[in-house]
């Protein structure tokens, strides 16, 4: 690189401080080097035939005239500094991609909610059919008792006829989703009793997440927008 003239002001653009503040970029990938070199060569070739005959140098008053070649040196410095910035930004960007770095907002938090697929949630459904008639007054106690049981059974033909598709775990997952999507934020178990509530066919559902259990009762159709027989509550 050409040595700057003695009277050249020290880093007038602040470029040195800018580059010093950037993290160590590491070695530049060869393909990035090739692209930058090609771009600089094309820029240089494009300027080779420029006509500067109509350019009038600005006169400065009260300052010492610059030595011959200073203007040419500053032009070169500007091009080199710009190239250095491009190269540094390119290397930092490439290294970030190679190291799988991402903006903080794009990195999943360790405390972020885990959204399991419907198929995965369906494997956590445990079906039972106790024949219990749940009631409003005793619902919390009855639901907690049901949730503590590990009993499961394939619904009998009569139960299937009464509840239809809601004997299918995947349909039960969608039923729970219609009541409250947050209930499906990574539950460990979805216990279901195909029973009755105040004498009417009903699904009694208890969703377990850690030490928390949320129970509710819905009709045998469990359509979206239908008010549940018993609203979700902790049991």
Protein backbone atom coordinates (compact mmCIF):
# COMPACT_ATOMS: atom_id res chain seq x y z
CA UNK A 1 0.00 0.00 0.00
CA UNK A 2 1.25 3.57 -0.73
CA UNK A 3 2.59 5.35 2.37
CA UNK A 4 0.41 8.37 3.23
CA UNK A 5 1.98 11.82 2.95
CA UNK A 6 3.33 13.39 6.11
CA UNK A 7 0.71 16.13 6.25
CA UNK A 8 -2.23 13.73 5.82
CA UNK A 9 -4.68 14.05 8.71
CA UNK A 10 -4.82 10.98 10.92
CA UNK A 11 -7.85 8.85 9.93
CA UNK A 12 -10.17 11.74 8.85
CA UNK A 13 -13.05 9.35 8.02
CA UNK A 14 -13.06 7.46 11.33
CA UNK A 15 -12.78 4.25 9.32
CA UNK A 16 -9.97 2.93 11.50
CA UNK A 17 -12.07 3.19 14.66
CA UNK A 18 -15.03 1.57 12.88
CA UNK A 19 -12.95 -1.40 11.76
CA UNK A 20 -11.31 -1.71 15.19
CA UNK A 21 -14.74 -1.99 16.84
CA UNK A 22 -15.72 -5.00 14.74
CA UNK A 23 -15.09 -8.54 16.08
CA UNK A 24 -12.19 -10.56 14.67
CA UNK A 25 -13.64 -11.93 11.43
CA UNK A 26 -11.26 -14.83 10.96
CA UNK A 27 -10.08 -16.03 7.54
CA UNK A 28 -12.13 -15.00 4.54
CA UNK A 29 -13.64 -17.87 2.52
CA UNK A 30 -12.02 -18.17 -0.89
CA UNK A 31 -15.26 -17.70 -2.83
CA UNK A 32 -15.91 -14.40 -1.02
CA UNK A 33 -12.33 -13.28 -1.77
CA UNK A 34 -12.78 -14.09 -5.44
CA UNK A 35 -16.04 -12.14 -5.69
CA UNK A 36 -14.59 -9.05 -3.98
CA UNK A 37 -11.46 -9.17 -6.15
CA UNK A 38 -13.58 -9.43 -9.30
CA UNK A 39 -15.78 -6.52 -8.21
CA UNK A 40 -12.78 -4.27 -7.49
CA UNK A 41 -11.18 -5.20 -10.80
CA UNK A 42 -14.38 -4.36 -12.67
CA UNK A 43 -14.65 -1.02 -10.84
CA UNK A 44 -11.04 -0.16 -11.65
CA UNK A 45 -11.50 -1.08 -15.32
CA UNK A 46 -14.63 1.07 -15.51
CA UNK A 47 -12.77 4.13 -14.21
CA UNK A 48 -9.76 3.72 -16.52
CA UNK A 49 -11.25 5.77 -19.36
CA UNK A 50 -12.87 8.51 -17.25
CA UNK A 51 -12.39 12.02 -18.60
CA UNK A 52 -11.30 14.28 -15.73
CA UNK A 53 -10.43 17.30 -17.90
CA UNK A 54 -13.52 19.19 -16.73
CA UNK A 55 -12.83 18.65 -13.02
CA UNK A 56 -11.77 21.81 -11.22
CA UNK A 57 -9.89 21.23 -7.93
CA UNK A 58 -11.37 23.07 -4.95
CA UNK A 59 -9.15 25.86 -3.69
CA UNK A 60 -8.49 26.00 0.05
CA UNK A 61 -7.67 29.22 1.83
CA UNK A 62 -5.43 29.35 4.83
CA UNK A 63 -4.16 25.82 4.35
CA UNK A 64 -0.95 24.42 3.04
CA UNK A 65 -1.17 23.10 -0.50
CA UNK A 66 -1.08 19.34 -0.65
CA UNK A 67 1.89 17.59 -2.16
CA UNK A 68 1.59 16.23 -5.67
CA UNK A 69 -0.05 12.84 -5.69
CA UNK A 70 -2.03 13.47 -2.48
CA UNK A 71 -5.38 13.62 -4.28
CA UNK A 72 -4.56 10.44 -6.16
CA UNK A 73 -3.50 8.74 -2.88
CA UNK A 74 -6.74 9.77 -1.13
CA UNK A 75 -8.81 8.37 -3.96
CA UNK A 76 -6.96 5.09 -3.64
CA UNK A 77 -7.42 5.15 0.13
CA UNK A 78 -11.16 5.68 -0.27
CA UNK A 79 -11.41 2.66 -2.55
CA UNK A 80 -9.32 0.49 -0.23
CA UNK A 81 -11.31 1.56 2.84
CA UNK A 82 -14.59 0.80 1.10
CA UNK A 83 -13.26 -2.58 0.04
CA UNK A 84 -12.10 -3.25 3.60
CA UNK A 85 -15.56 -2.52 4.96
CA UNK A 86 -17.20 -4.76 2.34
CA UNK A 87 -14.72 -7.54 3.03
CA UNK A 88 -15.10 -7.29 6.80
CA UNK A 89 -18.90 -7.28 6.67
CA UNK A 90 -18.85 -10.18 4.21
CA UNK A 91 -16.55 -12.25 6.41
CA UNK A 92 -18.51 -11.53 9.59
CA UNK A 93 -21.74 -12.47 7.79
CA UNK A 94 -20.31 -15.66 6.34
CA UNK A 95 -18.74 -16.69 9.64
CA UNK A 96 -22.04 -16.09 11.41
CA UNK A 97 -23.81 -18.37 8.96
CA UNK A 98 -21.10 -21.02 9.18
CA UNK A 99 -21.25 -20.97 12.98
CA UNK A 100 -25.06 -21.16 12.92
CA UNK A 101 -25.25 -17.82 14.72
CA UNK A 102 -28.58 -16.03 14.45
CA UNK A 103 -30.14 -12.82 15.73
CA UNK A 104 -31.23 -13.17 19.33
CA UNK A 105 -34.87 -12.82 18.33
CA UNK A 106 -34.52 -15.79 15.95
CA UNK A 107 -32.94 -18.17 18.48
CA UNK A 108 -35.60 -20.34 20.16
CA UNK A 109 -35.67 -19.73 23.89
CA UNK A 110 -35.12 -22.68 26.18
CA UNK A 111 -38.35 -21.67 27.87
CA UNK A 112 -40.32 -21.37 24.63
CA UNK A 113 -43.47 -23.42 24.37
CA UNK A 114 -43.11 -26.75 22.66
CA UNK A 115 -45.76 -27.27 20.00
CA UNK A 116 -46.23 -30.98 19.45
CA UNK A 117 -47.95 -32.20 16.29
CA UNK A 118 -51.49 -33.53 16.43
CA UNK A 119 -50.19 -37.02 15.68
CA UNK A 120 -47.73 -36.82 18.56
CA UNK A 121 -50.43 -35.51 20.92
CA UNK A 122 -52.75 -38.33 19.86
CA UNK A 123 -50.25 -40.85 21.26
CA UNK A 124 -50.68 -39.22 24.68
CA UNK A 125 -54.45 -39.76 24.78
CA UNK A 126 -55.61 -42.44 27.22
CA UNK A 127 -59.18 -43.60 26.69
CA UNK A 128 -61.42 -45.09 29.32
CA UNK A 129 -65.14 -45.69 29.65
CA UNK A 130 -66.10 -46.00 33.31
CA UNK A 131 -69.83 -45.38 32.95
CA UNK A 132 -69.60 -42.73 35.69
CA UNK A 133 -72.24 -40.02 35.81
CA UNK A 134 -70.31 -36.85 36.63
CA UNK A 135 -72.13 -33.95 38.29
CA UNK A 136 -71.43 -30.27 38.79
CA UNK A 137 -71.22 -30.53 42.58
CA UNK A 138 -68.74 -33.41 42.63
CA UNK A 139 -66.98 -32.81 39.31
CA UNK A 140 -63.58 -31.75 40.64
CA UNK A 141 -63.28 -34.76 42.94
CA UNK A 142 -64.58 -37.20 40.31
CA UNK A 143 -62.24 -35.83 37.60
CA UNK A 144 -59.19 -35.93 39.88
CA UNK A 145 -59.98 -39.54 40.78
CA UNK A 146 -60.33 -40.48 37.12
CA UNK A 147 -57.04 -38.79 36.22
CA UNK A 148 -55.16 -40.68 38.93
CA UNK A 149 -56.18 -44.01 37.38
CA UNK A 150 -54.05 -45.67 34.72
CA UNK A 151 -56.96 -47.75 33.44
CA UNK A 152 -57.50 -47.70 29.69
CA UNK A 153 -59.82 -49.71 27.48
CA UNK A 154 -60.98 -49.90 23.89
CA UNK A 155 -64.49 -48.42 23.70
CA UNK A 156 -67.25 -50.99 23.29
CA UNK A 157 -69.48 -50.92 20.23
CA UNK A 158 -72.27 -49.18 22.12
CA UNK A 159 -69.90 -46.42 23.28
CA UNK A 160 -68.56 -45.94 19.76
CA UNK A 161 -72.11 -45.59 18.48
CA UNK A 162 -72.82 -42.93 21.12
CA UNK A 163 -69.65 -40.85 20.70
CA UNK A 164 -68.79 -41.51 17.05
CA UNK A 165 -65.46 -40.03 15.92
CA UNK A 166 -64.68 -38.78 19.41
CA UNK A 167 -63.51 -42.27 20.28
CA UNK A 168 -60.55 -41.53 17.98
CA UNK A 169 -57.51 -39.97 19.75
CA UNK A 170 -56.83 -37.56 16.90
CA UNK A 171 -60.43 -36.24 17.07
CA UNK A 172 -60.08 -35.88 20.84
CA UNK A 173 -56.97 -33.73 20.35
CA UNK A 174 -58.95 -31.43 18.06
CA UNK A 175 -61.74 -31.35 20.64
CA UNK A 176 -59.27 -30.18 23.30
CA UNK A 177 -57.89 -27.60 20.88
CA UNK A 178 -61.38 -26.16 20.37
CA UNK A 179 -61.71 -25.62 24.12
CA UNK A 180 -58.31 -23.99 24.55
CA UNK A 181 -55.19 -24.28 22.38
CA UNK A 182 -52.88 -23.59 25.33
CA UNK A 183 -54.02 -26.86 26.88
CA UNK A 184 -51.97 -28.62 24.20
CA UNK A 185 -48.68 -26.91 25.04
CA UNK A 186 -46.71 -30.12 25.52
CA UNK A 187 -48.99 -32.05 27.91
CA UNK A 188 -47.66 -35.34 29.23
CA UNK A 189 -51.07 -37.01 29.17
CA UNK A 190 -54.65 -36.44 28.00
CA UNK A 191 -56.94 -38.72 30.00
CA UNK A 192 -60.47 -39.16 28.67
CA UNK A 193 -63.50 -40.86 30.17
CA UNK A 194 -66.34 -41.50 27.73
CA UNK A 195 -69.08 -41.15 30.30
CA UNK A 196 -71.94 -38.77 31.12
CA UNK A 197 -72.47 -35.43 32.81
CA UNK A 198 -75.76 -34.85 34.62
CA UNK A 199 -77.19 -37.79 32.70
CA UNK A 200 -76.06 -36.60 29.22
CA UNK A 201 -73.32 -38.30 27.16
CA UNK A 202 -70.10 -36.42 27.77
CA UNK A 203 -66.33 -36.57 27.42
CA UNK A 204 -64.58 -35.92 30.70
CA UNK A 205 -61.07 -34.76 29.84
CA UNK A 206 -58.12 -34.17 32.16
CA UNK A 207 -54.96 -32.68 30.63
CA UNK A 208 -51.79 -33.21 32.67
CA UNK A 209 -48.74 -30.97 32.38
CA UNK A 210 -46.13 -31.62 35.03
CA UNK A 211 -47.88 -31.37 38.39
CA UNK A 212 -50.85 -29.44 36.93
CA UNK A 213 -54.10 -31.12 35.94
CA UNK A 214 -56.85 -29.27 34.05
CA UNK A 215 -60.26 -30.94 33.79
CA UNK A 216 -63.38 -30.11 31.81
CA UNK A 217 -66.47 -31.81 30.39
CA UNK A 218 -67.88 -31.45 26.88
CA UNK A 219 -70.79 -32.87 24.94
CA UNK A 220 -70.49 -35.96 22.76
CA UNK A 221 -70.18 -33.69 19.68
CA UNK A 222 -67.59 -31.24 21.08
CA UNK A 223 -68.00 -28.75 18.25
CA UNK A 224 -66.07 -25.51 18.23
CA UNK A 225 -67.94 -22.66 19.87
CA UNK A 226 -70.13 -25.00 21.94
CA UNK A 227 -70.07 -24.16 25.63
CA UNK A 228 -68.58 -27.01 27.69
CA UNK A 229 -70.70 -28.68 30.37
CA UNK A 230 -67.94 -27.96 32.87
CA UNK A 231 -65.42 -25.23 32.07
CA UNK A 232 -61.68 -25.99 32.43
CA UNK A 233 -60.46 -25.89 36.02
CA UNK A 234 -57.53 -27.22 38.06
CA UNK A 235 -58.21 -30.44 39.94
